[in-house]
């Protein structure tokens, strides 16, 4: 089955811009990881998964990771300002590369903070029927 992907990017625009800054959004189970893998390979983008970055910082016991762990160990969401700080610190190391964000931003506050620091070229919204997501998660 194929599902509609909304995007404002045309492939021929990407090469004229030099660098591509893209975001993929969608509900859990919508296929963000699978689609991201395909896009990253096809367009040679750096894939940035907010969940992977957060887990890496917690595992490596960085200052930001230790702060985030205070929330996750209590089953709480990591606050916007901390998630944004983690993600923007990741981007500072790859200023000269094209990238695809997966899982960030998740809130309006995070989106505003990202927009203040980077021009986003494309947002891909995965619009997958709820029943399909339930089927995918149920199989797991």
C-alpha atoms as a PDB file:
ATOM      1  CA  UNK A   1       0.000   0.000   0.000  1.00  0.00           C
ATOM      2  CA  UNK A   2       1.113   3.547  -0.679  1.00  0.00           C
ATOM      3  CA  UNK A   3       0.219   6.549   1.403  1.00  0.00           C
ATOM      4  CA  UNK A   4       0.241  10.221   0.624  1.00  0.00           C
ATOM      5  CA  UNK A   5       3.374  12.153   1.580  1.00  0.00           C
ATOM      6  CA  UNK A   6       2.999  15.922   1.668  1.00  0.00           C
ATOM      7  CA  UNK A   7       6.112  17.912   0.815  1.00  0.00           C
ATOM      8  CA  UNK A   8       6.925  21.298  -0.609  1.00  0.00           C
ATOM      9  CA  UNK A   9      10.258  20.104  -2.046  1.00  0.00           C
ATOM     10  CA  UNK A  10      10.871  19.515  -5.715  1.00  0.00           C
ATOM     11  CA  UNK A  11      13.947  17.401  -6.365  1.00  0.00           C
ATOM     12  CA  UNK A  12      15.378  19.831  -8.929  1.00  0.00           C
ATOM     13  CA  UNK A  13      15.281  22.623  -6.303  1.00  0.00           C
ATOM     14  CA  UNK A  14      17.463  20.657  -3.924  1.00  0.00           C
ATOM     15  CA  UNK A  15      20.537  20.664  -6.144  1.00  0.00           C
ATOM     16  CA  UNK A  16      20.312  24.409  -6.798  1.00  0.00           C
ATOM     17  CA  UNK A  17      20.167  25.158  -3.053  1.00  0.00           C
ATOM     18  CA  UNK A  18      23.293  23.188  -2.217  1.00  0.00           C
ATOM     19  CA  UNK A  19      22.183  22.037   1.238  1.00  0.00           C
ATOM     20  CA  UNK A  20      18.844  20.519   2.147  1.00  0.00           C
ATOM     21  CA  UNK A  21      17.299  20.905   5.603  1.00  0.00           C
ATOM     22  CA  UNK A  22      14.285  18.614   5.914  1.00  0.00           C
ATOM     23  CA  UNK A  23      11.974  17.281   8.601  1.00  0.00           C
ATOM     24  CA  UNK A  24       9.827  14.159   8.536  1.00  0.00           C
ATOM     25  CA  UNK A  25       6.785  14.042  10.809  1.00  0.00           C
ATOM     26  CA  UNK A  26       4.005  11.594  11.458  1.00  0.00           C
ATOM     27  CA  UNK A  27       2.450   9.562  14.240  1.00  0.00           C
ATOM     28  CA  UNK A  28       4.233   6.595  15.844  1.00  0.00           C
ATOM     29  CA  UNK A  29       4.048   3.612  13.497  1.00  0.00           C
ATOM     30  CA  UNK A  30       3.572   5.757  10.396  1.00  0.00           C
ATOM     31  CA  UNK A  31       6.875   4.630   8.870  1.00  0.00           C
ATOM     32  CA  UNK A  32       9.101   7.640   9.551  1.00  0.00           C
ATOM     33  CA  UNK A  33      12.146   5.464  10.142  1.00  0.00           C
ATOM     34  CA  UNK A  34      11.603   3.360   7.015  1.00  0.00           C
ATOM     35  CA  UNK A  35      10.930   6.358   4.788  1.00  0.00           C
ATOM     36  CA  UNK A  36      13.843   8.259   6.369  1.00  0.00           C
ATOM     37  CA  UNK A  37      16.227   5.426   5.514  1.00  0.00           C
ATOM     38  CA  UNK A  38      15.138   5.557   1.872  1.00  0.00           C
ATOM     39  CA  UNK A  39      15.380   9.352   1.641  1.00  0.00           C
ATOM     40  CA  UNK A  40      18.793   9.424   3.334  1.00  0.00           C
ATOM     41  CA  UNK A  41      20.179   6.877   0.886  1.00  0.00           C
ATOM     42  CA  UNK A  42      18.606   8.443  -2.200  1.00  0.00           C
ATOM     43  CA  UNK A  43      19.618  12.030  -1.432  1.00  0.00           C
ATOM     44  CA  UNK A  44      22.786  11.443   0.650  1.00  0.00           C
ATOM     45  CA  UNK A  45      21.425  13.239   3.710  1.00  0.00           C
ATOM     46  CA  UNK A  46      22.588  13.003   7.309  1.00  0.00           C
ATOM     47  CA  UNK A  47      19.775  11.315   9.306  1.00  0.00           C
ATOM     48  CA  UNK A  48      19.163  12.807  12.741  1.00  0.00           C
ATOM     49  CA  UNK A  49      16.790  10.849  14.966  1.00  0.00           C
ATOM     50  CA  UNK A  50      15.875  12.789  18.097  1.00  0.00           C
ATOM     51  CA  UNK A  51      15.258   9.544  19.995  1.00  0.00           C
ATOM     52  CA  UNK A  52      18.674   8.157  19.035  1.00  0.00           C
ATOM     53  CA  UNK A  53      20.402  11.410  20.019  1.00  0.00           C
ATOM     54  CA  UNK A  54      18.599  11.546  23.355  1.00  0.00           C
ATOM     55  CA  UNK A  55      19.454   7.902  24.160  1.00  0.00           C
ATOM     56  CA  UNK A  56      23.084   8.468  23.129  1.00  0.00           C
ATOM     57  CA  UNK A  57      23.439  11.460  25.469  1.00  0.00           C
ATOM     58  CA  UNK A  58      21.854   9.527  28.345  1.00  0.00           C
ATOM     59  CA  UNK A  59      24.066   6.480  27.679  1.00  0.00           C
ATOM     60  CA  UNK A  60      27.226   8.632  27.456  1.00  0.00           C
ATOM     61  CA  UNK A  61      26.238  10.538  30.606  1.00  0.00           C
ATOM     62  CA  UNK A  62      26.779  13.944  29.021  1.00  0.00           C
ATOM     63  CA  UNK A  63      25.649  17.014  30.936  1.00  0.00           C
ATOM     64  CA  UNK A  64      22.508  17.248  28.782  1.00  0.00           C
ATOM     65  CA  UNK A  65      21.977  13.488  28.996  1.00  0.00           C
ATOM     66  CA  UNK A  66      22.111  13.500  32.786  1.00  0.00           C
ATOM     67  CA  UNK A  67      19.618  16.361  32.876  1.00  0.00           C
ATOM     68  CA  UNK A  68      17.300  14.507  30.473  1.00  0.00           C
ATOM     69  CA  UNK A  69      17.572  11.302  32.497  1.00  0.00           C
ATOM     70  CA  UNK A  70      16.035  13.060  35.506  1.00  0.00           C
ATOM     71  CA  UNK A  71      12.824  13.256  33.495  1.00  0.00           C
ATOM     72  CA  UNK A  72      12.895   9.953  31.605  1.00  0.00           C
ATOM     73  CA  UNK A  73      13.669   7.901  34.721  1.00  0.00           C
ATOM     74  CA  UNK A  74      10.448   9.252  36.246  1.00  0.00           C
ATOM     75  CA  UNK A  75       8.497   8.457  33.071  1.00  0.00           C
ATOM     76  CA  UNK A  76       8.200  12.136  32.158  1.00  0.00           C
ATOM     77  CA  UNK A  77       8.725  13.831  28.817  1.00  0.00           C
ATOM     78  CA  UNK A  78      11.964  15.751  28.430  1.00  0.00           C
ATOM     79  CA  UNK A  79      11.085  19.491  28.432  1.00  0.00           C
ATOM     80  CA  UNK A  80      11.103  21.393  25.132  1.00  0.00           C
ATOM     81  CA  UNK A  81      14.049  23.609  26.031  1.00  0.00           C
ATOM     82  CA  UNK A  82      16.239  20.602  26.812  1.00  0.00           C
ATOM     83  CA  UNK A  83      15.252  18.631  23.696  1.00  0.00           C
ATOM     84  CA  UNK A  84      15.879  21.723  21.561  1.00  0.00           C
ATOM     85  CA  UNK A  85      19.278  22.247  23.177  1.00  0.00           C
ATOM     86  CA  UNK A  86      20.221  18.615  22.423  1.00  0.00           C
ATOM     87  CA  UNK A  87      19.096  18.829  18.788  1.00  0.00           C
ATOM     88  CA  UNK A  88      20.665  22.211  18.048  1.00  0.00           C
ATOM     89  CA  UNK A  89      23.951  21.045  19.553  1.00  0.00           C
ATOM     90  CA  UNK A  90      23.855  18.108  17.133  1.00  0.00           C
ATOM     91  CA  UNK A  91      23.318  20.450  14.177  1.00  0.00           C
ATOM     92  CA  UNK A  92      26.243  22.684  15.104  1.00  0.00           C
ATOM     93  CA  UNK A  93      28.588  19.816  14.249  1.00  0.00           C
ATOM     94  CA  UNK A  94      27.184  19.366  10.734  1.00  0.00           C
ATOM     95  CA  UNK A  95      26.732  22.919   9.447  1.00  0.00           C
ATOM     96  CA  UNK A  96      28.061  21.976   6.012  1.00  0.00           C
ATOM     97  CA  UNK A  97      25.861  18.909   5.450  1.00  0.00           C
ATOM     98  CA  UNK A  98      22.327  18.297   4.283  1.00  0.00           C
ATOM     99  CA  UNK A  99      20.146  16.637   6.890  1.00  0.00           C
ATOM    100  CA  UNK A 100      16.804  15.032   7.639  1.00  0.00           C
ATOM    101  CA  UNK A 101      15.300  15.386  11.127  1.00  0.00           C
ATOM    102  CA  UNK A 102      13.197  12.480  12.369  1.00  0.00           C
ATOM    103  CA  UNK A 103      11.231  13.093  15.571  1.00  0.00           C
ATOM    104  CA  UNK A 104      12.040  16.767  16.003  1.00  0.00           C
ATOM    105  CA  UNK A 105      10.414  19.179  16.322  1.00  0.00           C
ATOM    106  CA  UNK A 106       7.408  17.692  18.129  1.00  0.00           C
ATOM    107  CA  UNK A 107       5.938  20.878  19.578  1.00  0.00           C
ATOM    108  CA  UNK A 108       5.303  24.419  18.385  1.00  0.00           C
ATOM    109  CA  UNK A 109       7.932  25.720  20.832  1.00  0.00           C
ATOM    110  CA  UNK A 110      10.552  23.338  19.401  1.00  0.00           C
ATOM    111  CA  UNK A 111       9.586  24.295  15.847  1.00  0.00           C
ATOM    112  CA  UNK A 112       9.948  27.999  16.618  1.00  0.00           C
ATOM    113  CA  UNK A 113      13.366  27.477  18.190  1.00  0.00           C
ATOM    114  CA  UNK A 114      14.535  25.453  15.199  1.00  0.00           C
ATOM    115  CA  UNK A 115      13.171  28.019  12.756  1.00  0.00           C
ATOM    116  CA  UNK A 116      15.063  30.811  14.529  1.00  0.00           C
ATOM    117  CA  UNK A 117      18.337  28.962  13.913  1.00  0.00           C
ATOM    118  CA  UNK A 118      17.875  27.181  10.559  1.00  0.00           C
ATOM    119  CA  UNK A 119      15.940  27.643   7.343  1.00  0.00           C
ATOM    120  CA  UNK A 120      13.871  24.508   6.754  1.00  0.00           C
ATOM    121  CA  UNK A 121      13.473  23.587   3.093  1.00  0.00           C
ATOM    122  CA  UNK A 122      10.941  20.800   3.359  1.00  0.00           C
ATOM    123  CA  UNK A 123       8.600  19.120   5.817  1.00  0.00           C
ATOM    124  CA  UNK A 124       7.291  15.684   4.937  1.00  0.00           C
ATOM    125  CA  UNK A 125       4.067  14.790   6.724  1.00  0.00           C
ATOM    126  CA  UNK A 126       3.246  11.084   6.656  1.00  0.00           C
ATOM    127  CA  UNK A 127      -0.524  10.789   6.504  1.00  0.00           C
ATOM    128  CA  UNK A 128      -1.247   7.150   7.315  1.00  0.00           C
ATOM    129  CA  UNK A 129      -4.712   5.817   8.216  1.00  0.00           C
ATOM    130  CA  UNK A 130      -5.078   5.110  11.936  1.00  0.00           C
ATOM    131  CA  UNK A 131      -6.185   1.520  11.261  1.00  0.00           C
ATOM    132  CA  UNK A 132      -2.918   0.872   9.394  1.00  0.00           C
ATOM    133  CA  UNK A 133      -0.879   2.208  12.312  1.00  0.00           C
ATOM    134  CA  UNK A 134      -2.789  -0.004  14.752  1.00  0.00           C
ATOM    135  CA  UNK A 135      -2.132  -3.024  12.498  1.00  0.00           C
ATOM    136  CA  UNK A 136       1.594  -2.233  12.320  1.00  0.00           C
ATOM    137  CA  UNK A 137       1.965  -1.741  16.066  1.00  0.00           C
ATOM    138  CA  UNK A 138      -0.133  -4.836  16.867  1.00  0.00           C
ATOM    139  CA  UNK A 139       2.182  -7.036  14.778  1.00  0.00           C
ATOM    140  CA  UNK A 140       5.302  -5.830  16.613  1.00  0.00           C
END
